[in-house]
C-alpha atoms as a PDB file:
ATOM      1  CA  MET A   1       7.684  -1.405 -13.797  1.00  0.00           C
ATOM      2  CA  LEU A   2       8.986  -4.058 -15.641  1.00  0.00           C
ATOM      3  CA  LEU A   3       7.204  -7.071 -15.874  1.00  0.00           C
ATOM      4  CA  ASN A   4       9.514  -9.330 -17.976  1.00  0.00           C
ATOM      5  CA  ILE A   5       6.566 -10.968 -19.802  1.00  0.00           C
ATOM      6  CA  GLY A   6       6.757 -11.850 -23.139  1.00  0.00           C
ATOM      7  CA  PRO A   7       4.953 -13.799 -25.972  1.00  0.00           C
ATOM      8  CA  LYS A   8       5.497 -16.963 -27.218  1.00  0.00           C
ATOM      9  CA  ALA A   9       6.921 -17.423 -30.770  1.00  0.00           C
ATOM     10  CA  ASP A  10       2.984 -17.640 -32.306  1.00  0.00           C
ATOM     11  CA  GLY A  11       2.186 -14.724 -30.284  1.00  0.00           C
ATOM     12  CA  SER A  12       0.424 -16.178 -27.605  1.00  0.00           C
ATOM     13  CA  ILE A  13       0.684 -15.055 -23.694  1.00  0.00           C
ATOM     14  CA  PRO A  14       2.091 -18.236 -21.765  1.00  0.00           C
ATOM     15  CA  ALA A  15      -0.890 -19.795 -19.028  1.00  0.00           C
ATOM     16  CA  GLU A  16       1.676 -18.803 -16.280  1.00  0.00           C
ATOM     17  CA  ASP A  17       2.503 -15.066 -17.746  1.00  0.00           C
ATOM     18  CA  ARG A  18      -1.238 -14.884 -17.895  1.00  0.00           C
ATOM     19  CA  GLU A  19      -2.117 -15.456 -14.543  1.00  0.00           C
ATOM     20  CA  ILE A  20       0.217 -13.094 -13.537  1.00  0.00           C
ATOM     21  CA  LEU A  21      -1.366 -10.403 -15.849  1.00  0.00           C
ATOM     22  CA  LEU A  22      -4.597 -11.178 -14.615  1.00  0.00           C
ATOM     23  CA  ALA A  23      -3.936 -11.159 -10.943  1.00  0.00           C
ATOM     24  CA  ILE A  24      -2.407  -7.935 -11.245  1.00  0.00           C
ATOM     25  CA  GLY A  25      -5.337  -6.299 -13.614  1.00  0.00           C
ATOM     26  CA  GLY A  26      -7.637  -7.390 -10.483  1.00  0.00           C
ATOM     27  CA  TRP A  27      -5.841  -6.108  -8.120  1.00  0.00           C
ATOM     28  CA  LEU A  28      -5.941  -2.434  -9.577  1.00  0.00           C
ATOM     29  CA  LYS A  29      -9.334  -2.912 -10.649  1.00  0.00           C
ATOM     30  CA  LYS A  30      -9.830  -2.881  -6.610  1.00  0.00           C
ATOM     31  CA  ASN A  31      -7.039  -0.380  -5.770  1.00  0.00           C
ATOM     32  CA  GLY A  32      -5.864   2.034  -8.840  1.00  0.00           C
ATOM     33  CA  GLU A  33      -7.404   4.685  -6.860  1.00  0.00           C
ATOM     34  CA  GLY A  34      -4.486   4.791  -5.046  1.00  0.00           C
ATOM     35  CA  ILE A  35      -2.391   4.735  -7.858  1.00  0.00           C
ATOM     36  CA  TYR A  36      -3.756   6.497 -11.395  1.00  0.00           C
ATOM     37  CA  GLY A  37      -3.270   9.998 -10.818  1.00  0.00           C
ATOM     38  CA  ALA A  38      -1.376   9.546  -7.453  1.00  0.00           C
ATOM     39  CA  ASN A  39       1.680  11.832  -6.511  1.00  0.00           C
ATOM     40  CA  VAL A  40       4.342  10.264  -3.881  1.00  0.00           C
ATOM     41  CA  TRP A  41       3.195  11.812  -0.347  1.00  0.00           C
ATOM     42  CA  ARG A  42       5.845  13.252   2.133  1.00  0.00           C
ATOM     43  CA  TYR A  43       7.075   9.787   2.830  1.00  0.00           C
ATOM     44  CA  SER A  44       7.300   7.264   0.065  1.00  0.00           C
ATOM     45  CA  GLU A  45       7.478   3.737   2.431  1.00  0.00           C
ATOM     46  CA  GLU A  46       7.762   2.949   6.000  1.00  0.00           C
ATOM     47  CA  GLY A  47       9.261  -0.060   6.894  1.00  0.00           C
ATOM     48  CA  PRO A  48      12.623  -2.004   7.438  1.00  0.00           C
ATOM     49  CA  THR A  49      12.253  -3.239   3.916  1.00  0.00           C
ATOM     50  CA  LYS A  50      13.793  -1.272   0.835  1.00  0.00           C
ATOM     51  CA  THR A  51      13.664  -1.589  -2.413  1.00  0.00           C
ATOM     52  CA  VAL A  52      16.719  -2.662  -4.339  1.00  0.00           C
ATOM     53  CA  GLU A  53      17.694  -1.021  -7.627  1.00  0.00           C
ATOM     54  CA  GLY A  54      20.556  -1.429 -10.178  1.00  0.00           C
ATOM     55  CA  GLN A  55      21.487  -3.823 -12.513  1.00  0.00           C
ATOM     56  CA  PHE A  56      21.321  -7.305 -11.709  1.00  0.00           C
ATOM     57  CA  SER A  57      18.930  -7.218  -8.827  1.00  0.00           C
ATOM     58  CA  ASP A  58      15.632  -8.007 -10.760  1.00  0.00           C
ATOM     59  CA  GLY A  59      16.062 -11.609  -9.732  1.00  0.00           C
ATOM     60  CA  ALA A  60      16.328 -10.784  -5.994  1.00  0.00           C
ATOM     61  CA  GLU A  61      13.193 -11.327  -4.276  1.00  0.00           C
ATOM     62  CA  THR A  62      11.570  -8.611  -1.922  1.00  0.00           C
ATOM     63  CA  VAL A  63      10.270 -10.222   1.265  1.00  0.00           C
ATOM     64  CA  TYR A  64       7.849  -7.500   3.086  1.00  0.00           C
ATOM     65  CA  THR A  65       7.034  -7.515   6.595  1.00  0.00           C
ATOM     66  CA  GLU A  66       3.819  -6.198   8.237  1.00  0.00           C
ATOM     67  CA  ARG A  67       5.305  -2.823   9.081  1.00  0.00           C
ATOM     68  CA  ASP A  68       6.322  -1.853   5.260  1.00  0.00           C
ATOM     69  CA  PHE A  69       3.900   0.342   3.921  1.00  0.00           C
ATOM     70  CA  ARG A  70       4.109   2.823   0.927  1.00  0.00           C
ATOM     71  CA  PHE A  71       2.169   5.864   0.150  1.00  0.00           C
ATOM     72  CA  THR A  72       0.483   7.830  -2.405  1.00  0.00           C
ATOM     73  CA  VAL A  73      -1.868  10.955  -2.248  1.00  0.00           C
ATOM     74  CA  LYS A  74      -4.171  12.357  -4.186  1.00  0.00           C
ATOM     75  CA  GLY A  75      -6.890  15.145  -3.373  1.00  0.00           C
ATOM     76  CA  ASP A  76      -7.479  15.161   0.019  1.00  0.00           C
ATOM     77  CA  SER A  77      -6.290  11.640   0.774  1.00  0.00           C
ATOM     78  CA  VAL A  78      -3.836   9.613   1.453  1.00  0.00           C
ATOM     79  CA  TYR A  79      -3.235   6.298   0.201  1.00  0.00           C
ATOM     80  CA  VAL A  80      -1.857   3.756   2.709  1.00  0.00           C
ATOM     81  CA  PHE A  81      -0.321   0.343   0.986  1.00  0.00           C
ATOM     82  CA  ALA A  82       0.018  -2.398   3.554  1.00  0.00           C
ATOM     83  CA  MET A  83       2.677  -4.472   1.580  1.00  0.00           C
ATOM     84  CA  LYS A  84       2.178  -7.734   3.926  1.00  0.00           C
ATOM     85  CA  PHE A  85      -1.302  -7.457   5.860  1.00  0.00           C
ATOM     86  CA  PRO A  86      -1.121  -9.621   8.952  1.00  0.00           C
ATOM     87  CA  GLU A  87      -3.640 -12.044   9.876  1.00  0.00           C
ATOM     88  CA  SER A  88      -4.789 -10.433  12.800  1.00  0.00           C
ATOM     89  CA  GLY A  89      -6.350  -7.373  10.696  1.00  0.00           C
ATOM     90  CA  SER A  90      -4.542  -4.243  12.589  1.00  0.00           C
ATOM     91  CA  VAL A  91      -1.596  -2.277  11.514  1.00  0.00           C
ATOM     92  CA  THR A  92       0.076   0.488  12.768  1.00  0.00           C
ATOM     93  CA  VAL A  93       1.745   3.197  10.639  1.00  0.00           C
ATOM     94  CA  LYS A  94       3.791   5.309  12.077  1.00  0.00           C
ATOM     95  CA  ALA A  95       3.789   7.759   9.627  1.00  0.00           C
ATOM     96  CA  PHE A  96       0.897   9.266  11.346  1.00  0.00           C
ATOM     97  CA  ALA A  97       1.458   9.190  14.779  1.00  0.00           C
ATOM     98  CA  ASP A  98       0.155  12.348  16.855  1.00  0.00           C
ATOM     99  CA  ALA A  99       3.146  14.525  16.570  1.00  0.00           C
ATOM    100  CA  ASP A 100       4.439  17.641  17.604  1.00  0.00           C
ATOM    101  CA  ALA A 101       5.102  19.434  14.211  1.00  0.00           C
ATOM    102  CA  SER A 102       6.843  22.512  15.832  1.00  0.00           C
ATOM    103  CA  LYS A 103      10.205  20.995  15.185  1.00  0.00           C
ATOM    104  CA  LYS A 104      10.407  19.148  11.736  1.00  0.00           C
ATOM    105  CA  PRO A 105       8.266  18.741   9.198  1.00  0.00           C
ATOM    106  CA  VAL A 106       5.435  15.543  10.503  1.00  0.00           C
ATOM    107  CA  PHE A 107       2.089  14.790   9.748  1.00  0.00           C
ATOM    108  CA  ASN A 108      -0.609  16.781  11.791  1.00  0.00           C
ATOM    109  CA  GLY A 109      -3.975  17.024  10.077  1.00  0.00           C
ATOM    110  CA  ILE A 110      -6.981  16.004  10.999  1.00  0.00           C
ATOM    111  CA  ILE A 111      -8.206  12.770   9.659  1.00  0.00           C
ATOM    112  CA  LYS A 112     -11.773  12.454   8.467  1.00  0.00           C
ATOM    113  CA  SER A 113     -11.959   8.908   7.450  1.00  0.00           C
ATOM    114  CA  VAL A 114     -10.282   5.447   7.134  1.00  0.00           C
ATOM    115  CA  SER A 115     -11.387   3.036   4.623  1.00  0.00           C
ATOM    116  CA  VAL A 116      -9.846   0.289   2.762  1.00  0.00           C
ATOM    117  CA  LEU A 117     -10.201  -0.176  -1.030  1.00  0.00           C
ATOM    118  CA  GLY A 118     -11.644  -3.362  -2.633  1.00  0.00           C
ATOM    119  CA  PHE A 119     -13.371  -5.210   0.793  1.00  0.00           C
ATOM    120  CA  ASP A 120     -16.774  -4.418   1.917  1.00  0.00           C
ATOM    121  CA  CYS A 121     -16.239  -4.270   5.756  1.00  0.00           C
ATOM    122  CA  GLY A 122     -15.803  -1.602   8.392  1.00  0.00           C
ATOM    123  CA  VAL A 123     -13.083  -0.169   9.818  1.00  0.00           C
ATOM    124  CA  THR A 124     -11.966   1.201  13.293  1.00  0.00           C
ATOM    125  CA  TYR A 125      -9.024   3.126  13.911  1.00  0.00           C
ATOM    126  CA  THR A 126      -7.071   5.050  16.336  1.00  0.00           C
ATOM    127  CA  ARG A 127      -4.347   7.616  16.735  1.00  0.00           C
ATOM    128  CA  ASP A 128      -1.662   8.161  19.239  1.00  0.00           C
ATOM    129  CA  GLU A 129       1.933   8.964  19.497  1.00  0.00           C
ATOM    130  CA  ASN A 130       2.844   5.642  18.234  1.00  0.00           C
ATOM    131  CA  GLY A 131       0.974   5.681  14.810  1.00  0.00           C
ATOM    132  CA  LEU A 132      -2.521   5.041  13.453  1.00  0.00           C
ATOM    133  CA  HIS A 133      -3.793   2.401  14.483  1.00  0.00           C
ATOM    134  CA  ILE A 134      -5.965   0.790  12.030  1.00  0.00           C
ATOM    135  CA  ASN A 135      -8.523  -2.783  12.613  1.00  0.00           C
ATOM    136  CA  ALA A 136      -9.895  -4.155   9.908  1.00  0.00           C
ATOM    137  CA  PRO A 137     -10.176  -7.972  10.817  1.00  0.00           C
ATOM    138  CA  GLU A 138     -12.375  -8.624   8.186  1.00  0.00           C
ATOM    139  CA  VAL A 139     -10.075  -8.163   5.665  1.00  0.00           C
ATOM    140  CA  LYS A 140      -7.702 -11.181   4.511  1.00  0.00           C
ATOM    141  CA  SER A 141      -5.568 -11.158   1.090  1.00  0.00           C
ATOM    142  CA  GLU A 142      -2.523 -12.514  -0.039  1.00  0.00           C
ATOM    143  CA  TYR A 143      -1.503  -8.722  -1.710  1.00  0.00           C
ATOM    144  CA  PRO A 144      -0.996  -5.583  -0.890  1.00  0.00           C
ATOM    145  CA  VAL A 145      -4.376  -3.793   1.213  1.00  0.00           C
ATOM    146  CA  THR A 146      -4.845  -0.356   0.635  1.00  0.00           C
ATOM    147  CA  PHE A 147      -6.064   2.102   3.298  1.00  0.00           C
ATOM    148  CA  LYS A 148      -7.734   5.466   1.924  1.00  0.00           C
ATOM    149  CA  ILE A 149      -6.870   8.182   4.833  1.00  0.00           C
ATOM    150  CA  THR A 150      -9.868  11.248   3.992  1.00  0.00           C
ATOM    151  CA  MET A 151      -8.529  14.539   5.659  1.00  0.00           C
ATOM    152  CA  LYS A 152     -10.880  17.100   6.926  1.00  0.00           C
END
């Protein structure tokens, strides 16, 4: 990831850039479990917002919706990053829909638990043909929220 942060002539980091780095570090401290040592899951992303790639795209701001998710996997857990967490605290992840896996490769595992990284609160969930419905009303964040989905 290109942060595009450089030191001033005297070697110090500008205050604005320092705050950005500290915010990223704080987020990684809470959510790093889903990043460090993890791999891309069978899907890397879900939702309408696509990452713009290529030259001269670094100035384009990406605006995520409440339907945008990114995924990693480590061991028996899949990590779901809700890129814009809604005020309601409820999200639906379509990749975990209860679907027929005989015709195409879809998730059909058994979910043991769902938890949220970096928050000390309860999470409830249900699963149906529309997806995995996660409810965490106590979670409030301006940054991506990470759910840990543990399989049996």
